[in-house]
Structures are given as structure tokens and as C-alpha cells.
Amino acid sequence: MRVSQKTDYAVRALVDLALNAREGAPARLSEIARRGSIPEKFLEAILVELRRAGLVKSRRGPEGGHRLARPPGQITLGQIRAAMDGPLSLVEPPSRRQAAAPLHAGLQPMWKEVEMAIGTVLDGVTVEDMCRRVEVNSAMPDFSI
């Protein structure tokens, strides 16, 4: 399974919003883009989709910007991925001919189990968890020469 660039950018944006929410003011698109190394035009479209999915709130105007719609512990990686890429599906639905083949019929449940396991992992990781990882990683000393 590959994580799409869109999902990666969405994760970066939401983690950025969570980490910088402590300042109280909504974050501007340009700030999120700069801190997350995300192209602004792409981020703009991503934030629209995140807003539609109920993960982000946005406000226009001089005091406007973007913020999380829910606490970071209530937004999962699975929700973010689904908002960006739709339902998780590892294999294409079988054609009638494939579905009738015993070999295919025997393997299809296995792929569904793998799909469910991946979904469980994605749904078990929250934005709050990701923020902790970022904070721990940024607190580590750099010993490179």
C-alpha cells in the first residue's frame, strides 16, 4: 500500500495545525504551507477536502485561517486517508468470471482481512499520536558532524 502525496500533505497540515493551535489564533494557509513544505495551491485544495470531511474549520478575512474541527485525539489517520483518497481498497472488485473461479473466491477473503487489518492500524493512530512523535523527534539532540 502506498500513501498518496495528497494524504501525506494532509497529515502534515493537520499535525501542523495541532502543534500550533496552542497559540490560539487560526493558522494562515501560507504559514501551514511553509512549515510543512507543501505547495500552497495544493494545500488550498486539500484544506477544502478536509473541511468537507469535518476535520478542519476555516474562516475568511483578516482574522481568518484554519484550525482543527475536533481535538487532535479524535482525528485518526484512517479518517484523513479516507478524506483524501476514498475508501481503502487493496484489490479491484472481481468480475463475474473471476468471482466464479474457485481460486479467486478462496483468496478474496484473505485480501479483505488484510484490508481490515490496515484499516484498524490507520484508525488507531491519531493526530495527537503523530504530534507526540514529532515533538519527541524534534527534542532529540543532533549528533551529526
N, C-alpha and C. Protein backbone atom coordinates (compact mmCIF):
# COMPACT_ATOMS: atom_id res chain seq x y z
N MET A 1 0.85 -1.18 0.00
CA MET A 1 0.00 0.00 0.00
C MET A 1 0.89 1.23 0.00
N ARG A 2 0.57 2.17 -0.86
CA ARG A 2 1.31 3.44 -0.92
C ARG A 2 0.44 4.54 -0.35
N VAL A 3 1.09 5.45 0.37
CA VAL A 3 0.39 6.63 0.89
C VAL A 3 0.51 7.69 -0.19
N SER A 4 -0.61 8.25 -0.61
CA SER A 4 -0.59 9.26 -1.67
C SER A 4 0.05 10.55 -1.17
N GLN A 5 0.57 11.32 -2.10
CA GLN A 5 1.16 12.63 -1.77
C GLN A 5 0.11 13.51 -1.10
N LYS A 6 -1.11 13.40 -1.59
CA LYS A 6 -2.22 14.18 -1.04
C LYS A 6 -2.45 13.85 0.44
N THR A 7 -2.45 12.57 0.77
CA THR A 7 -2.63 12.16 2.17
C THR A 7 -1.45 12.61 3.01
N ASP A 8 -0.25 12.48 2.49
CA ASP A 8 0.94 12.92 3.22
C ASP A 8 0.85 14.42 3.53
N TYR A 9 0.48 15.22 2.55
CA TYR A 9 0.33 16.66 2.76
C TYR A 9 -0.78 16.96 3.77
N ALA A 10 -1.87 16.22 3.69
CA ALA A 10 -2.99 16.44 4.62
C ALA A 10 -2.56 16.13 6.05
N VAL A 11 -1.80 15.05 6.22
CA VAL A 11 -1.29 14.70 7.55
C VAL A 11 -0.39 15.80 8.07
N ARG A 12 0.52 16.27 7.22
CA ARG A 12 1.43 17.35 7.64
C ARG A 12 0.65 18.59 8.07
N ALA A 13 -0.37 18.93 7.29
CA ALA A 13 -1.17 20.13 7.59
C ALA A 13 -1.91 19.98 8.92
N LEU A 14 -2.52 18.83 9.15
CA LEU A 14 -3.27 18.62 10.39
C LEU A 14 -2.35 18.56 11.61
N VAL A 15 -1.21 17.93 11.48
CA VAL A 15 -0.25 17.90 12.59
C VAL A 15 0.25 19.32 12.86
N ASP A 16 0.51 20.07 11.80
CA ASP A 16 0.93 21.47 11.98
C ASP A 16 -0.14 22.27 12.72
N LEU A 17 -1.40 22.10 12.32
CA LEU A 17 -2.49 22.82 13.00
C LEU A 17 -2.56 22.42 14.47
N ALA A 18 -2.38 21.15 14.76
CA ALA A 18 -2.44 20.68 16.15
C ALA A 18 -1.28 21.24 16.96
N LEU A 19 -0.09 21.21 16.40
CA LEU A 19 1.09 21.69 17.12
C LEU A 19 1.07 23.19 17.35
N ASN A 20 0.47 23.92 16.42
CA ASN A 20 0.48 25.38 16.52
C ASN A 20 -0.82 25.94 17.06
N ALA A 21 -1.76 25.08 17.44
CA ALA A 21 -3.05 25.53 17.97
C ALA A 21 -2.90 26.16 19.34
N ARG A 22 -1.84 25.86 20.01
CA ARG A 22 -1.64 26.38 21.36
C ARG A 22 -1.55 27.89 21.37
N GLU A 23 -1.18 28.47 20.25
CA GLU A 23 -1.09 29.93 20.17
C GLU A 23 -2.47 30.57 20.10
N GLY A 24 -3.51 29.80 19.85
CA GLY A 24 -4.87 30.29 19.88
C GLY A 24 -5.43 30.80 18.57
N ALA A 25 -4.64 31.50 17.80
CA ALA A 25 -5.14 32.08 16.55
C ALA A 25 -5.16 31.02 15.45
N PRO A 26 -6.13 31.13 14.52
CA PRO A 26 -6.13 30.19 13.40
C PRO A 26 -4.87 30.39 12.55
N ALA A 27 -4.42 29.32 11.93
CA ALA A 27 -3.20 29.38 11.11
C ALA A 27 -3.55 29.77 9.68
N ARG A 28 -2.73 30.60 9.11
CA ARG A 28 -2.91 31.01 7.71
C ARG A 28 -2.34 29.93 6.78
N LEU A 29 -2.94 29.86 5.61
CA LEU A 29 -2.54 28.89 4.60
C LEU A 29 -1.04 28.99 4.33
N SER A 30 -0.53 30.19 4.16
CA SER A 30 0.88 30.38 3.82
C SER A 30 1.79 29.86 4.93
N GLU A 31 1.37 30.01 6.19
CA GLU A 31 2.18 29.52 7.32
C GLU A 31 2.22 28.00 7.34
N ILE A 32 1.05 27.39 7.15
CA ILE A 32 0.97 25.92 7.14
C ILE A 32 1.82 25.38 6.00
N ALA A 33 1.70 26.00 4.83
CA ALA A 33 2.45 25.55 3.65
C ALA A 33 3.96 25.65 3.89
N ARG A 34 4.39 26.76 4.46
CA ARG A 34 5.82 26.97 4.71
C ARG A 34 6.36 25.95 5.72
N ARG A 35 5.67 25.82 6.84
CA ARG A 35 6.15 24.90 7.89
C ARG A 35 6.11 23.44 7.44
N GLY A 36 5.15 23.09 6.59
CA GLY A 36 5.01 21.69 6.16
C GLY A 36 5.65 21.38 4.83
N SER A 37 6.30 22.39 4.20
CA SER A 37 6.89 22.21 2.86
C SER A 37 5.85 21.67 1.88
N ILE A 38 4.70 22.34 1.83
CA ILE A 38 3.59 21.94 0.98
C ILE A 38 3.31 23.07 -0.01
N PRO A 39 3.19 22.79 -1.30
CA PRO A 39 2.84 23.84 -2.26
C PRO A 39 1.48 24.46 -1.89
N GLU A 40 1.41 25.80 -1.87
CA GLU A 40 0.20 26.49 -1.42
C GLU A 40 -1.05 26.11 -2.21
N LYS A 41 -0.94 26.05 -3.53
CA LYS A 41 -2.13 25.73 -4.35
C LYS A 41 -2.65 24.34 -4.01
N PHE A 42 -1.75 23.40 -3.82
CA PHE A 42 -2.14 22.04 -3.48
C PHE A 42 -2.77 22.02 -2.09
N LEU A 43 -2.16 22.74 -1.16
CA LEU A 43 -2.67 22.79 0.21
C LEU A 43 -4.07 23.39 0.26
N GLU A 44 -4.29 24.40 -0.55
CA GLU A 44 -5.62 25.04 -0.59
C GLU A 44 -6.70 24.01 -0.93
N ALA A 45 -6.45 23.20 -1.94
CA ALA A 45 -7.42 22.16 -2.35
C ALA A 45 -7.57 21.10 -1.26
N ILE A 46 -6.48 20.74 -0.61
CA ILE A 46 -6.51 19.74 0.45
C ILE A 46 -7.34 20.24 1.63
N LEU A 47 -7.16 21.51 2.00
CA LEU A 47 -7.91 22.07 3.13
C LEU A 47 -9.41 22.11 2.83
N VAL A 48 -9.78 22.32 1.57
CA VAL A 48 -11.19 22.28 1.19
C VAL A 48 -11.75 20.88 1.45
N GLU A 49 -11.00 19.85 1.05
CA GLU A 49 -11.46 18.47 1.26
C GLU A 49 -11.50 18.12 2.75
N LEU A 50 -10.52 18.59 3.50
CA LEU A 50 -10.51 18.33 4.95
C LEU A 50 -11.68 19.03 5.63
N ARG A 51 -12.03 20.20 5.14
CA ARG A 51 -13.19 20.92 5.69
C ARG A 51 -14.47 20.15 5.38
N ARG A 52 -14.61 19.67 4.16
CA ARG A 52 -15.79 18.88 3.78
C ARG A 52 -15.92 17.61 4.62
N ALA A 53 -14.78 17.05 5.00
CA ALA A 53 -14.78 15.83 5.82
C ALA A 53 -14.99 16.12 7.30
N GLY A 54 -15.08 17.40 7.66
CA GLY A 54 -15.31 17.78 9.05
C GLY A 54 -14.08 17.70 9.93
N LEU A 55 -12.90 17.75 9.31
CA LEU A 55 -11.65 17.65 10.08
C LEU A 55 -11.03 19.02 10.35
N VAL A 56 -11.39 20.01 9.55
CA VAL A 56 -10.83 21.36 9.67
C VAL A 56 -11.97 22.37 9.63
N LYS A 57 -11.78 23.47 10.35
CA LYS A 57 -12.68 24.62 10.26
C LYS A 57 -11.87 25.76 9.67
N SER A 58 -12.51 26.52 8.79
CA SER A 58 -11.82 27.64 8.15
C SER A 58 -12.66 28.90 8.30
N ARG A 59 -11.94 30.03 8.39
CA ARG A 59 -12.62 31.32 8.47
C ARG A 59 -11.88 32.30 7.58
N ARG A 60 -12.65 33.06 6.81
CA ARG A 60 -12.06 34.05 5.91
C ARG A 60 -11.84 35.37 6.62
N GLY A 61 -11.08 36.22 5.98
CA GLY A 61 -10.90 37.58 6.49
C GLY A 61 -9.57 37.79 7.18
N PRO A 62 -9.34 39.02 7.63
CA PRO A 62 -8.06 39.38 8.24
C PRO A 62 -7.74 38.57 9.49
N GLU A 63 -8.76 38.16 10.22
CA GLU A 63 -8.55 37.35 11.43
C GLU A 63 -8.79 35.87 11.14
N GLY A 64 -8.89 35.54 9.86
CA GLY A 64 -9.23 34.18 9.46
C GLY A 64 -8.05 33.23 9.44
N GLY A 65 -8.34 32.03 9.03
CA GLY A 65 -7.34 30.99 8.95
C GLY A 65 -7.98 29.63 9.14
N HIS A 66 -7.17 28.67 9.51
CA HIS A 66 -7.63 27.28 9.62
C HIS A 66 -7.27 26.73 11.00
N ARG A 67 -8.15 25.86 11.50
CA ARG A 67 -7.90 25.18 12.77
C ARG A 67 -8.57 23.81 12.71
N LEU A 68 -8.18 22.95 13.63
CA LEU A 68 -8.80 21.62 13.69
C LEU A 68 -10.26 21.75 14.10
N ALA A 69 -11.11 20.93 13.52
CA ALA A 69 -12.54 20.94 13.85
C ALA A 69 -12.82 20.15 15.13
N ARG A 70 -11.90 19.25 15.48
CA ARG A 70 -12.04 18.42 16.68
C ARG A 70 -10.70 18.35 17.39
N PRO A 71 -10.69 17.88 18.62
CA PRO A 71 -9.41 17.69 19.31
C PRO A 71 -8.54 16.70 18.53
N PRO A 72 -7.21 16.88 18.58
CA PRO A 72 -6.31 16.01 17.81
C PRO A 72 -6.43 14.53 18.16
N GLY A 73 -6.85 14.21 19.36
CA GLY A 73 -7.02 12.82 19.75
C GLY A 73 -8.25 12.17 19.15
N GLN A 74 -9.09 12.97 18.48
CA GLN A 74 -10.31 12.45 17.87
C GLN A 74 -10.25 12.43 16.34
N ILE A 75 -9.09 12.72 15.79
CA ILE A 75 -8.90 12.67 14.33
C ILE A 75 -7.88 11.57 14.04
N THR A 76 -8.29 10.57 13.26
CA THR A 76 -7.40 9.43 13.00
C THR A 76 -6.77 9.50 11.61
N LEU A 77 -5.68 8.78 11.49
CA LEU A 77 -5.01 8.66 10.21
C LEU A 77 -5.95 8.02 9.18
N GLY A 78 -6.78 7.10 9.63
CA GLY A 78 -7.75 6.47 8.73
C GLY A 78 -8.75 7.47 8.18
N GLN A 79 -9.22 8.39 9.03
CA GLN A 79 -10.15 9.43 8.57
C GLN A 79 -9.49 10.37 7.57
N ILE A 80 -8.25 10.71 7.83
CA ILE A 80 -7.51 11.61 6.93
C ILE A 80 -7.32 10.94 5.58
N ARG A 81 -6.86 9.68 5.60
CA ARG A 81 -6.62 8.96 4.35
C ARG A 81 -7.91 8.80 3.55
N ALA A 82 -9.00 8.50 4.24
CA ALA A 82 -10.29 8.34 3.56
C ALA A 82 -10.77 9.66 2.97
N ALA A 83 -10.55 10.76 3.68
CA ALA A 83 -10.96 12.08 3.16
C ALA A 83 -10.19 12.43 1.89
N MET A 84 -8.96 11.99 1.81
CA MET A 84 -8.13 12.33 0.65
C MET A 84 -8.28 11.34 -0.50
N ASP A 85 -8.40 10.05 -0.18
CA ASP A 85 -8.33 9.02 -1.22
C ASP A 85 -9.54 8.11 -1.32
N GLY A 86 -10.56 8.34 -0.50
CA GLY A 86 -11.73 7.49 -0.55
C GLY A 86 -11.54 6.21 0.23
N PRO A 87 -12.47 5.27 0.09
CA PRO A 87 -12.42 4.03 0.87
C PRO A 87 -11.16 3.22 0.57
N LEU A 88 -10.67 2.55 1.59
CA LEU A 88 -9.49 1.70 1.44
C LEU A 88 -9.89 0.46 0.65
N SER A 89 -9.17 0.19 -0.43
CA SER A 89 -9.45 -0.98 -1.25
C SER A 89 -8.14 -1.47 -1.85
N LEU A 90 -7.71 -2.64 -1.44
CA LEU A 90 -6.44 -3.18 -1.93
C LEU A 90 -6.57 -3.85 -3.29
N VAL A 91 -7.72 -4.43 -3.56
CA VAL A 91 -7.91 -5.12 -4.84
C VAL A 91 -9.20 -4.63 -5.49
N GLU A 92 -9.21 -4.70 -6.80
CA GLU A 92 -10.40 -4.33 -7.56
C GLU A 92 -11.50 -5.35 -7.29
N PRO A 93 -12.76 -4.91 -7.27
CA PRO A 93 -13.85 -5.89 -7.13
C PRO A 93 -13.77 -6.90 -8.28
N PRO A 94 -14.04 -8.16 -8.00
CA PRO A 94 -13.91 -9.19 -9.03
C PRO A 94 -15.00 -9.08 -10.10
N SER A 95 -14.62 -9.45 -11.31
CA SER A 95 -15.62 -9.57 -12.36
C SER A 95 -16.44 -10.82 -12.06
N ARG A 96 -17.55 -11.01 -12.77
CA ARG A 96 -18.37 -12.21 -12.55
C ARG A 96 -17.56 -13.48 -12.81
N ARG A 97 -16.77 -13.41 -13.85
CA ARG A 97 -15.97 -14.58 -14.22
C ARG A 97 -14.95 -14.89 -13.12
N GLN A 98 -14.29 -13.84 -12.62
CA GLN A 98 -13.31 -14.04 -11.55
C GLN A 98 -13.99 -14.56 -10.28
N ALA A 99 -15.13 -13.97 -9.95
CA ALA A 99 -15.83 -14.36 -8.72
C ALA A 99 -16.25 -15.82 -8.75
N ALA A 100 -16.49 -16.34 -9.95
CA ALA A 100 -16.91 -17.74 -10.08
C ALA A 100 -15.73 -18.71 -9.98
N ALA A 101 -14.52 -18.20 -10.17
CA ALA A 101 -13.34 -19.08 -10.13
C ALA A 101 -13.01 -19.44 -8.68
N PRO A 102 -12.86 -20.74 -8.39
CA PRO A 102 -12.60 -21.18 -7.02
C PRO A 102 -11.33 -20.55 -6.42
N LEU A 103 -10.29 -20.42 -7.23
CA LEU A 103 -9.04 -19.85 -6.74
C LEU A 103 -9.27 -18.42 -6.26
N HIS A 104 -9.93 -17.64 -7.08
CA HIS A 104 -10.20 -16.24 -6.71
C HIS A 104 -11.11 -16.18 -5.48
N ALA A 105 -12.15 -16.99 -5.49
CA ALA A 105 -13.09 -16.99 -4.37
C ALA A 105 -12.40 -17.38 -3.06
N GLY A 106 -11.40 -18.24 -3.16
CA GLY A 106 -10.67 -18.65 -1.97
C GLY A 106 -9.72 -17.58 -1.45
N LEU A 107 -9.18 -16.77 -2.34
CA LEU A 107 -8.20 -15.74 -1.94
C LEU A 107 -8.85 -14.41 -1.56
N GLN A 108 -10.00 -14.14 -2.10
CA GLN A 108 -10.66 -12.84 -1.85
C GLN A 108 -10.84 -12.54 -0.35
N PRO A 109 -11.27 -13.50 0.47
CA PRO A 109 -11.42 -13.21 1.90
C PRO A 109 -10.09 -12.82 2.57
N MET A 110 -8.99 -13.39 2.08
CA MET A 110 -7.68 -13.03 2.64
C MET A 110 -7.39 -11.56 2.40
N TRP A 111 -7.65 -11.07 1.18
CA TRP A 111 -7.41 -9.66 0.88
C TRP A 111 -8.30 -8.76 1.72
N LYS A 112 -9.51 -9.19 1.97
CA LYS A 112 -10.42 -8.41 2.84
C LYS A 112 -9.87 -8.34 4.26
N GLU A 113 -9.30 -9.46 4.74
CA GLU A 113 -8.70 -9.47 6.08
C GLU A 113 -7.51 -8.51 6.15
N VAL A 114 -6.68 -8.51 5.12
CA VAL A 114 -5.53 -7.59 5.07
C VAL A 114 -6.02 -6.15 5.07
N GLU A 115 -7.03 -5.89 4.26
CA GLU A 115 -7.64 -4.55 4.20
C GLU A 115 -8.13 -4.11 5.58
N MET A 116 -8.83 -5.02 6.27
CA MET A 116 -9.36 -4.70 7.60
C MET A 116 -8.23 -4.45 8.60
N ALA A 117 -7.15 -5.22 8.51
CA ALA A 117 -6.02 -5.04 9.43
C ALA A 117 -5.36 -3.68 9.20
N ILE A 118 -5.18 -3.31 7.95
CA ILE A 118 -4.60 -2.00 7.64
C ILE A 118 -5.52 -0.90 8.16
N GLY A 119 -6.82 -1.05 7.92
CA GLY A 119 -7.79 -0.07 8.40
C GLY A 119 -7.75 0.08 9.91
N THR A 120 -7.60 -1.03 10.62
CA THR A 120 -7.52 -0.99 12.08
C THR A 120 -6.29 -0.22 12.54
N VAL A 121 -5.16 -0.44 11.89
CA VAL A 121 -3.94 0.29 12.25
C VAL A 121 -4.12 1.78 11.97
N LEU A 122 -4.63 2.12 10.79
CA LEU A 122 -4.82 3.53 10.44
C LEU A 122 -5.80 4.22 11.39
N ASP A 123 -6.84 3.51 11.79
CA ASP A 123 -7.83 4.09 12.70
C ASP A 123 -7.32 4.17 14.14
N GLY A 124 -6.22 3.49 14.42
CA GLY A 124 -5.66 3.50 15.76
C GLY A 124 -4.62 4.59 15.99
N VAL A 125 -4.27 5.32 14.94
CA VAL A 125 -3.27 6.39 15.06
C VAL A 125 -3.98 7.73 14.94
N THR A 126 -3.82 8.58 15.95
CA THR A 126 -4.49 9.89 15.94
C THR A 126 -3.49 11.00 15.63
N VAL A 127 -4.03 12.17 15.32
CA VAL A 127 -3.19 13.35 15.12
C VAL A 127 -2.40 13.63 16.40
N GLU A 128 -3.02 13.41 17.53
CA GLU A 128 -2.33 13.59 18.81
C GLU A 128 -1.11 12.67 18.91
N ASP A 129 -1.26 11.41 18.50
CA ASP A 129 -0.14 10.47 18.49
C ASP A 129 0.98 10.97 17.58
N MET A 130 0.60 11.46 16.41
CA MET A 130 1.59 11.95 15.46
C MET A 130 2.32 13.17 16.01
N CYS A 131 1.60 14.04 16.71
CA CYS A 131 2.21 15.22 17.33
C CYS A 131 3.26 14.80 18.36
N ARG A 132 2.93 13.80 19.15
CA ARG A 132 3.90 13.31 20.15
C ARG A 132 5.17 12.81 19.48
N ARG A 133 5.00 12.10 18.38
CA ARG A 133 6.18 11.60 17.65
C ARG A 133 7.03 12.76 17.13
N VAL A 134 6.38 13.78 16.59
CA VAL A 134 7.10 14.94 16.08
C VAL A 134 7.83 15.65 17.22
N GLU A 135 7.15 15.82 18.34
CA GLU A 135 7.76 16.51 19.48
C GLU A 135 8.95 15.73 20.03
N VAL A 136 8.81 14.41 20.15
CA VAL A 136 9.91 13.58 20.64
C VAL A 136 11.09 13.65 19.67
N ASN A 137 10.80 13.55 18.39
CA ASN A 137 11.85 13.57 17.38
C ASN A 137 12.57 14.92 17.36
N SER A 138 11.84 16.01 17.51
CA SER A 138 12.47 17.34 17.47
C SER A 138 13.22 17.65 18.75
N ALA A 139 12.93 16.92 19.83
CA ALA A 139 13.63 17.14 21.10
C ALA A 139 14.93 16.36 21.17
N MET A 140 15.14 15.44 20.23
CA MET A 140 16.36 14.64 20.24
C MET A 140 17.54 15.48 19.76
N PRO A 141 18.68 15.37 20.45
CA PRO A 141 19.85 16.13 20.02
C PRO A 141 20.38 15.62 18.69
N ASP A 142 20.94 16.52 17.92
CA ASP A 142 21.51 16.18 16.62
C ASP A 142 23.01 15.98 16.80
N PHE A 143 23.47 14.73 16.62
CA PHE A 143 24.89 14.43 16.82
C PHE A 143 25.65 14.35 15.49
N SER A 144 25.03 14.80 14.41
CA SER A 144 25.72 14.73 13.12
C SER A 144 26.83 15.77 13.06
N ILE A 145 27.85 15.43 12.32
CA ILE A 145 29.01 16.34 12.20
C ILE A 145 29.02 16.94 10.82
